[in-house]
Amino acid sequence: MPGGCSRGPAAGDGRLRLARLALVLLGWVSSSSLTSSAPSTSSTSFLASAVSAQPPLPGQCPQLCECSEAARTVKCVNRNLTEVPADLPPYVRNLFLTGNQLAVLPAGAFARRPPLAELAALNLSGSRLQEVRAGAFEHLPSLRQLDLSHNPLAHLSPFTFSGSNASFSAPSPLVELMLNHIVPPEDHRQNRSFEGMVAASLRAGHALRGLQRLELASNHFLFLPRDVLAHLPGLRHLDLRNNSLVSLTYVSFRNLTHLQSLHLEDNALKVLHNGTLAELQSLPHVRVFLDNNPWVCDCHMVDMVAWLKETEVVQGKARLACAFPEKMRNRALLELNSSHLECDPILPPSLQTSYVFLGIVLALIGAIFLLVLYLNRKGIKKWMHNIRDACRDHMEGYHYRYEINADPRLTNLSSNSDV
């Protein structure tokens, strides 16, 4: 067909002209973006320079990482990374950076262009982090879950979660925060209270008002600072298991009206006092877990035993048993009454033996000391006489000078004799 044959070459020429025009435009754009003013020699060089100047593709996966755009997940696990990858794809929603060598997390560690606006879950556990600086998690507006567990955090900035300027930063979007086993070695604590450092980061700027889950297990806490929970009114789950808490006397749960679970297993609690019992009973939804604590069943336990028999707050309360004194060991708390709880518990036999041995040792030391004094009684007596004579001569000299200074005649006589 002649009509069809005549249209074929014309269409081909049109496509060729469009392709040439596109190459010229690409070369012009690339040349205007370069700092060098040297003119290019061909359209091919323009195109190569334009391609090399382009930023990484939005869907590009960082080296040494595994990415799934469909699952919105990036995994950089056990790669010995020393810093957060710079080319994280903006689609990432779940980021795993576990098992690396990060050491320090600086301010703005996740600041990117375009921002990681969809990042909701960040796992940094087991990455040997020793320091997290102020504003490390800024520019993550959707971050809901953060796991810093199993890192020896010697320095946790008070503004870690509130931003570099707590006075002007927005509240943190965090809902779940895991800080399990973050206690540093003893020689890296910088002579500071580890409990106080963690508490300061939790209360700075009231940034964690929306936090619902807080895990602080296995941190060797000896106590909880007085106001560590004061600025966490939305908390629903609090995990303090496997610490060394001896008492809850100074911490208040009164404002945690939404608290649903409180884990206190495997601590060193000996008794819960009336103030703590009343606060726990006042929380409408809470369930408390108290297993594996060394309860001391003496007269101070009377109120707690009575409370346990009436309350439904404590889960598994039938398993709670005495650890001391020896005669009460392994007896269930719910089976006790006031007649079983003596105010003067008998010390364990091993402790009694230790006190007896200590008394014998002290008696022997005293006897040896008295024997040494007796054998050296003559020398000691002579030494005492010498001290007495020296003191007497010294006091007579003072007395003589005092008499001269007190009598003006003697003073004038003394001055004339000097002349």
Protein backbone atom coordinates (compact mmCIF):
# COMPACT_ATOMS: atom_id res chain seq x y z
CA MET A 1 0.00 0.00 0.00
CA PRO A 2 1.64 3.28 -1.08
CA GLY A 3 0.11 5.36 1.71
CA GLY A 4 1.58 3.08 4.33
CA CYS A 5 4.97 3.07 2.66
CA SER A 6 5.11 6.86 2.61
CA ARG A 7 4.32 7.18 6.33
CA GLY A 8 7.05 4.75 7.48
CA PRO A 9 10.15 6.87 6.69
CA ALA A 10 8.47 10.04 7.92
CA ALA A 11 7.69 8.42 11.26
CA GLY A 12 11.26 7.12 11.56
CA ASP A 13 12.69 10.58 10.88
CA GLY A 14 10.40 12.07 13.53
CA ARG A 15 11.58 9.58 16.19
CA LEU A 16 15.21 10.27 15.26
CA ARG A 17 14.73 14.02 15.66
CA LEU A 18 13.09 13.51 19.06
CA ALA A 19 15.96 11.32 20.24
CA ARG A 20 18.52 13.92 19.17
CA LEU A 21 16.55 16.67 20.91
CA ALA A 22 16.45 14.62 24.13
CA LEU A 23 20.22 14.10 24.02
CA VAL A 24 20.81 17.82 23.56
CA LEU A 25 18.52 18.70 26.48
CA LEU A 26 20.22 16.15 28.78
CA GLY A 27 23.61 17.54 27.87
CA TRP A 28 22.48 21.10 28.56
CA VAL A 29 21.09 20.18 32.03
CA SER A 30 24.24 18.29 33.01
CA SER A 31 26.55 21.04 31.83
CA SER A 32 24.65 23.70 33.81
CA SER A 33 24.92 21.64 37.03
CA LEU A 34 28.67 21.12 36.82
CA THR A 35 31.07 23.58 38.44
CA SER A 36 33.62 23.27 35.66
CA SER A 37 33.16 25.67 32.72
CA ALA A 38 34.95 23.50 30.16
CA PRO A 39 32.66 22.79 27.16
CA SER A 40 31.89 19.19 26.30
CA THR A 41 32.87 17.84 22.93
CA SER A 42 29.96 15.55 22.13
CA SER A 43 26.42 14.61 23.16
CA THR A 44 27.71 11.27 24.46
CA SER A 45 29.95 12.97 27.06
CA PHE A 46 27.00 15.14 28.16
CA LEU A 47 24.90 12.04 28.78
CA ALA A 48 27.63 10.21 30.73
CA SER A 49 28.29 13.16 33.02
CA ALA A 50 24.55 13.57 33.70
CA VAL A 51 24.16 9.93 34.70
CA SER A 52 27.20 10.03 37.00
CA ALA A 53 25.88 13.14 38.79
CA GLN A 54 22.54 11.57 39.71
CA PRO A 55 21.93 10.58 43.41
CA PRO A 56 21.37 6.90 44.34
CA LEU A 57 18.04 5.54 43.25
CA PRO A 58 15.33 5.68 45.93
CA GLY A 59 14.99 1.92 45.98
CA GLN A 60 18.71 1.18 46.16
CA CYS A 61 19.86 -1.19 48.94
CA PRO A 62 22.95 -0.31 51.04
CA GLN A 63 26.00 -2.48 50.61
CA LEU A 64 26.19 -5.43 53.06
CA CYS A 65 22.44 -5.14 53.76
CA GLU A 66 19.39 -7.11 52.66
CA CYS A 67 16.34 -5.18 51.50
CA SER A 68 12.73 -6.05 50.77
CA GLU A 69 10.72 -3.20 49.31
CA ALA A 70 7.55 -5.28 49.45
CA ALA A 71 8.00 -5.82 53.23
CA ARG A 72 9.46 -2.32 53.74
CA THR A 73 12.36 -3.96 55.62
CA VAL A 74 16.14 -3.48 55.61
CA LYS A 75 18.42 -5.90 57.50
CA CYS A 76 22.08 -5.08 58.18
CA VAL A 77 22.72 -7.88 60.67
CA ASN A 78 26.15 -9.03 61.91
CA ARG A 79 28.00 -6.94 59.30
CA ASN A 80 30.48 -5.23 61.66
CA LEU A 81 29.22 -1.80 60.59
CA THR A 82 30.82 1.12 62.43
CA GLU A 83 28.16 3.67 61.45
CA VAL A 84 24.59 3.81 60.21
CA PRO A 85 24.50 3.32 56.40
CA ALA A 86 24.08 6.64 54.60
CA ASP A 87 22.08 5.28 51.64
CA LEU A 88 19.10 3.76 53.41
CA PRO A 89 16.08 3.64 51.08
CA PRO A 90 13.29 6.05 52.06
CA TYR A 91 10.66 3.30 51.93
CA VAL A 92 12.16 1.48 54.97
CA ARG A 93 9.67 0.85 57.76
CA ASN A 94 11.56 -1.85 59.71
CA LEU A 95 15.31 -1.43 60.14
CA PHE A 96 17.53 -4.06 61.79
CA LEU A 97 21.09 -2.98 62.67
CA THR A 98 21.87 -5.74 65.17
CA GLY A 99 25.22 -7.37 65.83
CA ASN A 100 27.42 -4.53 64.56
CA GLN A 101 30.26 -2.36 65.92
CA LEU A 102 28.59 1.05 66.11
CA ALA A 103 30.16 2.22 69.42
CA VAL A 104 28.78 5.79 69.18
CA LEU A 105 25.43 7.01 67.85
CA PRO A 106 25.86 10.73 67.07
CA ALA A 107 23.23 13.43 66.84
CA GLY A 108 21.18 13.16 63.66
CA ALA A 109 22.42 9.65 62.96
CA PHE A 110 19.30 8.95 60.86
CA ALA A 111 18.90 12.36 59.19
CA ARG A 112 18.54 11.78 55.44
CA ARG A 113 17.36 13.56 52.28
CA PRO A 114 14.70 12.51 51.59
CA PRO A 115 13.92 11.77 55.27
CA LEU A 116 13.15 8.29 56.57
CA ALA A 117 9.57 9.37 57.17
CA GLU A 118 8.14 5.83 57.30
CA LEU A 119 10.66 4.24 59.68
CA ALA A 120 8.54 2.80 62.52
CA ALA A 121 10.67 0.01 64.08
CA LEU A 122 14.39 0.34 64.75
CA ASN A 123 16.43 -2.48 66.29
CA LEU A 124 19.98 -1.63 67.42
CA SER A 125 20.42 -4.46 69.92
CA GLY A 126 23.79 -6.14 70.36
CA SER A 127 25.72 -3.52 68.36
CA ARG A 128 28.26 -2.65 71.08
CA LEU A 129 26.93 0.85 71.53
CA GLN A 130 28.70 2.67 74.34
CA GLU A 131 27.37 6.18 73.80
CA VAL A 132 24.11 7.60 72.48
CA ARG A 133 24.22 11.36 72.06
CA ALA A 134 21.50 13.99 72.24
CA GLY A 135 19.23 14.05 69.21
CA ALA A 136 20.40 10.69 67.87
CA PHE A 137 16.83 9.78 66.87
CA GLU A 138 15.71 13.13 65.54
CA HIS A 139 14.16 13.32 62.05
CA LEU A 140 12.30 10.03 62.56
CA PRO A 141 8.70 11.27 62.85
CA SER A 142 7.12 7.80 62.63
CA LEU A 143 9.40 5.89 65.00
CA ARG A 144 7.21 3.79 67.28
CA GLN A 145 9.50 0.99 68.47
CA LEU A 146 13.15 1.29 69.53
CA ASP A 147 15.34 -1.53 70.84
CA LEU A 148 18.72 -0.64 72.38
CA SER A 149 19.05 -3.85 74.40
CA HIS A 150 22.31 -5.71 74.97
CA ASN A 151 24.55 -2.68 74.49
CA PRO A 152 27.05 -1.57 77.20
CA LEU A 153 25.77 2.00 77.39
CA ALA A 154 28.28 3.91 79.50
CA HIS A 155 26.83 7.26 78.39
CA LEU A 156 23.17 7.84 77.59
CA SER A 157 22.47 11.51 77.01
CA PRO A 158 19.55 13.01 78.99
CA PHE A 159 18.25 14.26 75.62
CA THR A 160 18.54 10.95 73.79
CA PHE A 161 14.78 10.65 73.28
CA SER A 162 13.74 14.29 73.60
CA GLY A 163 16.03 15.79 70.96
CA SER A 164 19.03 18.07 71.23
CA ASN A 165 16.86 20.86 72.69
CA ALA A 166 14.17 19.46 74.96
CA SER A 167 12.58 22.89 75.49
CA PHE A 168 11.55 23.26 71.86
CA SER A 169 11.40 19.70 70.50
CA ALA A 170 8.13 17.90 69.86
CA PRO A 171 7.19 14.90 72.01
CA SER A 172 8.80 11.66 70.93
CA PRO A 173 6.57 9.37 68.82
CA LEU A 174 7.93 6.32 70.66
CA VAL A 175 5.38 3.80 71.91
CA GLU A 176 7.72 0.91 72.83
CA LEU A 177 11.23 1.29 74.26
CA MET A 178 13.45 -1.70 75.06
CA LEU A 179 16.49 -1.05 77.28
CA ASN A 180 17.19 -4.58 78.51
CA HIS A 181 20.71 -5.47 79.63
CA ILE A 182 22.33 -2.11 78.84
CA VAL A 183 24.45 -1.97 82.00
CA PRO A 184 28.13 -1.20 81.17
CA PRO A 185 31.13 -2.84 82.87
CA GLU A 186 32.13 -1.39 86.23
CA ASP A 187 35.26 0.29 84.83
CA HIS A 188 33.22 2.18 82.19
CA ARG A 189 30.60 3.79 84.47
CA GLN A 190 32.49 7.11 84.83
CA ASN A 191 31.71 7.30 88.57
CA ARG A 192 28.03 8.01 87.92
CA SER A 193 24.86 6.35 89.06
CA PHE A 194 23.69 4.11 86.24
CA GLU A 195 20.13 4.24 87.57
CA GLY A 196 20.26 8.03 87.60
CA MET A 197 21.58 8.19 84.03
CA VAL A 198 18.73 6.04 82.69
CA ALA A 199 16.14 7.97 84.73
CA ALA A 200 17.38 11.31 83.36
CA SER A 201 16.95 10.13 79.77
CA LEU A 202 13.40 8.92 80.49
CA ARG A 203 12.14 12.13 82.08
CA ALA A 204 13.93 14.86 80.09
CA GLY A 205 11.52 17.28 78.48
CA HIS A 206 8.48 15.07 79.19
CA ALA A 207 9.19 13.68 75.72
CA LEU A 208 7.99 10.13 76.43
CA ARG A 209 4.45 10.99 77.49
CA GLY A 210 3.07 8.64 74.84
CA LEU A 211 5.26 5.65 75.78
CA GLN A 212 3.21 2.52 76.43
CA ARG A 213 5.85 -0.23 76.88
CA LEU A 214 9.12 0.15 78.78
CA GLU A 215 11.52 -2.77 79.31
CA LEU A 216 14.39 -2.35 81.78
CA ALA A 217 15.16 -5.99 82.55
CA SER A 218 18.59 -7.38 83.54
CA ASN A 219 20.24 -4.06 84.37
CA HIS A 220 21.40 -4.79 87.95
CA PHE A 221 19.28 -1.90 89.26
CA LEU A 222 19.62 -1.64 93.05
CA PHE A 223 16.87 0.98 93.31
CA LEU A 224 14.52 3.08 91.20
CA PRO A 225 14.96 6.88 91.42
CA ARG A 226 12.03 8.62 93.03
CA ASP A 227 10.55 10.28 89.92
CA VAL A 228 11.69 7.86 87.21
CA LEU A 229 8.07 7.05 86.27
CA ALA A 230 6.57 10.47 86.96
CA HIS A 231 6.60 11.59 83.32
CA LEU A 232 5.32 8.36 81.74
CA PRO A 233 1.55 8.65 82.29
CA GLY A 234 0.63 6.52 79.27
CA LEU A 235 2.66 3.49 80.35
CA ARG A 236 0.83 0.16 80.03
CA HIS A 237 3.62 -2.42 80.38
CA LEU A 238 6.64 -2.06 82.66
CA ASP A 239 9.27 -4.82 82.79
CA LEU A 240 11.78 -4.67 85.68
CA ARG A 241 12.52 -8.37 86.00
CA ASN A 242 15.97 -9.80 86.75
CA ASN A 243 17.39 -6.75 88.51
CA SER A 244 18.61 -6.35 92.10
CA LEU A 245 15.79 -4.21 93.49
CA VAL A 246 15.66 -4.46 97.28
CA SER A 247 12.72 -2.14 97.90
CA LEU A 248 10.07 -0.09 96.09
CA THR A 249 9.64 2.37 98.94
CA TYR A 250 10.82 5.47 97.07
CA VAL A 251 9.20 4.89 93.68
CA SER A 252 5.60 5.88 92.98
CA PHE A 253 3.14 4.12 90.67
CA ARG A 254 0.30 6.50 91.49
CA ASN A 255 0.17 8.30 88.13
CA LEU A 256 0.35 5.09 86.03
CA THR A 257 -3.42 4.77 85.78
CA HIS A 258 -3.22 2.86 82.48
CA LEU A 259 -0.67 0.31 83.70
CA GLN A 260 -1.67 -3.24 82.81
CA SER A 261 1.39 -5.36 83.65
CA LEU A 262 4.24 -4.87 86.11
CA HIS A 263 7.00 -7.50 86.05
CA LEU A 264 9.14 -7.65 89.20
CA GLU A 265 10.30 -11.25 89.01
CA ASP A 266 13.85 -12.29 89.95
CA ASN A 267 14.77 -9.27 92.05
CA ALA A 268 15.89 -8.97 95.69
CA LEU A 269 12.59 -7.80 97.19
CA LYS A 270 12.15 -8.81 100.82
CA VAL A 271 8.79 -7.17 101.58
CA LEU A 272 6.34 -4.67 100.08
CA HIS A 273 5.32 -1.95 102.52
CA ASN A 274 1.89 -0.41 103.01
CA GLY A 275 2.46 2.60 100.73
CA THR A 276 3.42 0.40 97.78
CA LEU A 277 0.55 -2.01 98.44
CA ALA A 278 -1.98 0.83 98.48
CA GLU A 279 -0.67 2.29 95.21
CA LEU A 280 -0.77 -1.06 93.43
CA GLN A 281 -4.29 -1.73 94.67
CA SER A 282 -5.45 1.66 93.39
CA LEU A 283 -4.45 0.90 89.79
CA PRO A 284 -7.60 -0.38 88.05
CA HIS A 285 -6.10 -2.65 85.37
CA VAL A 286 -2.69 -3.73 86.67
CA ARG A 287 -1.40 -7.29 86.95
CA VAL A 288 1.72 -7.71 89.12
CA PHE A 289 4.26 -10.54 88.85
CA LEU A 290 6.41 -11.17 91.94
CA ASP A 291 7.93 -14.64 91.47
CA ASN A 292 11.45 -15.58 92.60
CA ASN A 293 12.08 -12.90 95.20
CA PRO A 294 13.73 -13.71 98.58
CA TRP A 295 10.78 -12.84 100.85
CA VAL A 296 11.70 -12.46 104.52
CA CYS A 297 8.85 -13.80 106.63
CA ASP A 298 9.11 -11.79 109.83
CA CYS A 299 6.79 -9.35 111.56
CA HIS A 300 7.18 -6.81 108.73
CA MET A 301 5.46 -9.25 106.38
CA VAL A 302 2.10 -9.21 108.21
CA ASP A 303 0.49 -6.49 106.09
CA MET A 304 1.71 -7.94 102.81
CA VAL A 305 0.41 -11.41 103.64
CA ALA A 306 -3.00 -9.97 104.54
CA TRP A 307 -3.03 -8.00 101.27
CA LEU A 308 -2.08 -11.04 99.20
CA LYS A 309 -4.98 -13.02 100.62
CA GLU A 310 -7.48 -10.35 99.56
CA THR A 311 -6.14 -8.96 96.29
CA GLU A 312 -6.47 -10.29 92.76
CA VAL A 313 -3.74 -8.00 91.46
CA VAL A 314 -0.85 -10.45 91.93
CA GLN A 315 -0.60 -13.19 89.34
CA GLY A 316 0.59 -16.59 90.57
CA LYS A 317 0.48 -15.50 94.20
CA ALA A 318 0.14 -19.11 95.34
CA ARG A 319 3.74 -19.69 94.20
CA LEU A 320 5.21 -16.98 96.46
CA ALA A 321 7.21 -18.52 99.31
CA CYS A 322 9.49 -17.50 102.17
CA ALA A 323 13.26 -17.51 101.73
CA PHE A 324 14.18 -16.49 105.31
CA PRO A 325 14.36 -17.38 108.14
CA GLU A 326 15.53 -20.94 107.72
CA LYS A 327 12.62 -22.50 109.58
CA MET A 328 10.15 -20.74 107.26
CA ARG A 329 11.92 -21.48 104.01
CA ASN A 330 9.69 -22.60 101.10
CA ARG A 331 6.49 -21.98 103.06
CA ALA A 332 3.79 -20.37 100.91
CA LEU A 333 2.96 -16.82 101.91
CA LEU A 334 -0.76 -17.47 101.56
CA GLU A 335 -0.55 -20.19 104.24
CA LEU A 336 0.91 -17.87 106.88
CA ASN A 337 -0.84 -15.92 109.59
CA SER A 338 0.38 -13.39 112.15
CA SER A 339 1.37 -16.08 114.66
CA HIS A 340 3.91 -17.47 112.20
CA LEU A 341 5.57 -14.11 111.62
CA GLU A 342 7.96 -13.44 114.47
CA CYS A 343 9.54 -10.06 115.00
CA ASP A 344 12.92 -11.50 115.99
CA PRO A 345 13.75 -14.11 113.38
CA ILE A 346 16.43 -16.59 114.33
CA LEU A 347 19.63 -16.14 112.39
CA PRO A 348 20.68 -18.98 110.09
CA PRO A 349 23.05 -21.49 111.77
CA SER A 350 25.89 -20.56 109.42
CA LEU A 351 25.56 -16.90 110.45
CA GLN A 352 25.43 -17.86 114.15
CA THR A 353 28.65 -19.83 113.74
CA SER A 354 30.31 -16.87 112.05
CA TYR A 355 29.41 -14.55 114.94
CA VAL A 356 30.74 -17.03 117.51
CA PHE A 357 34.01 -17.38 115.62
CA LEU A 358 34.31 -13.60 115.35
CA GLY A 359 33.79 -13.24 119.11
CA ILE A 360 36.53 -15.79 119.84
CA VAL A 361 38.98 -14.03 117.53
CA LEU A 362 38.28 -10.63 119.14
CA ALA A 363 38.74 -12.13 122.62
CA LEU A 364 42.13 -13.59 121.65
CA ILE A 365 43.26 -10.26 120.24
CA GLY A 366 42.22 -8.49 123.45
CA ALA A 367 44.06 -11.04 125.61
CA ILE A 368 47.26 -10.68 123.57
CA PHE A 369 47.06 -6.89 123.83
CA LEU A 370 46.69 -7.03 127.62
CA LEU A 371 49.59 -9.49 127.88
CA VAL A 372 51.84 -7.14 125.91
CA LEU A 373 50.91 -4.27 128.23
CA TYR A 374 51.66 -6.36 131.32
CA LEU A 375 55.07 -7.50 130.07
CA ASN A 376 56.06 -3.92 129.29
CA ARG A 377 54.58 -2.37 132.40
CA LYS A 378 57.93 -0.98 133.69
CA GLY A 379 58.80 0.62 130.40
CA ILE A 380 55.31 2.03 130.07
CA LYS A 381 55.50 3.41 133.63
CA LYS A 382 58.83 5.10 132.91
CA TRP A 383 57.48 6.52 129.66
CA MET A 384 54.47 7.94 131.49
CA HIS A 385 56.73 9.61 134.11
CA ASN A 386 58.85 11.19 131.39
CA ILE A 387 55.76 12.59 129.72
CA ARG A 388 54.53 13.94 133.07
CA ASP A 389 57.85 15.66 133.80
CA ALA A 390 58.00 17.17 130.33
CA CYS A 391 54.48 18.50 130.64
CA ARG A 392 55.22 19.92 134.10
CA ASP A 393 58.32 21.79 132.91
CA HIS A 394 56.40 23.13 129.96
CA MET A 395 53.55 24.35 132.16
CA GLU A 396 55.97 26.02 134.65
CA GLY A 397 57.48 28.00 131.76
CA TYR A 398 54.05 29.17 130.70
CA HIS A 399 53.20 30.06 134.32
CA TYR A 400 56.40 32.15 134.67
CA ARG A 401 55.71 34.12 131.50
CA TYR A 402 52.13 34.72 132.61
CA GLU A 403 53.29 36.20 135.96
CA ILE A 404 55.70 38.57 134.22
CA ASN A 405 53.09 39.78 131.75
CA ALA A 406 50.52 40.27 134.52
CA ASP A 407 52.78 42.48 136.80
CA PRO A 408 53.79 45.82 135.18
CA ARG A 409 56.66 46.25 137.61
CA LEU A 410 58.15 42.94 136.58
CA THR A 411 57.55 43.85 132.97
CA ASN A 412 59.50 47.16 133.35
CA LEU A 413 62.22 45.37 135.27
CA SER A 414 62.53 42.80 132.56
CA SER A 415 62.72 45.48 129.86
CA ASN A 416 65.36 47.50 131.80
CA SER A 417 67.47 44.42 132.35
CA ASP A 418 67.34 43.72 128.66
CA VAL A 419 68.65 47.21 127.96
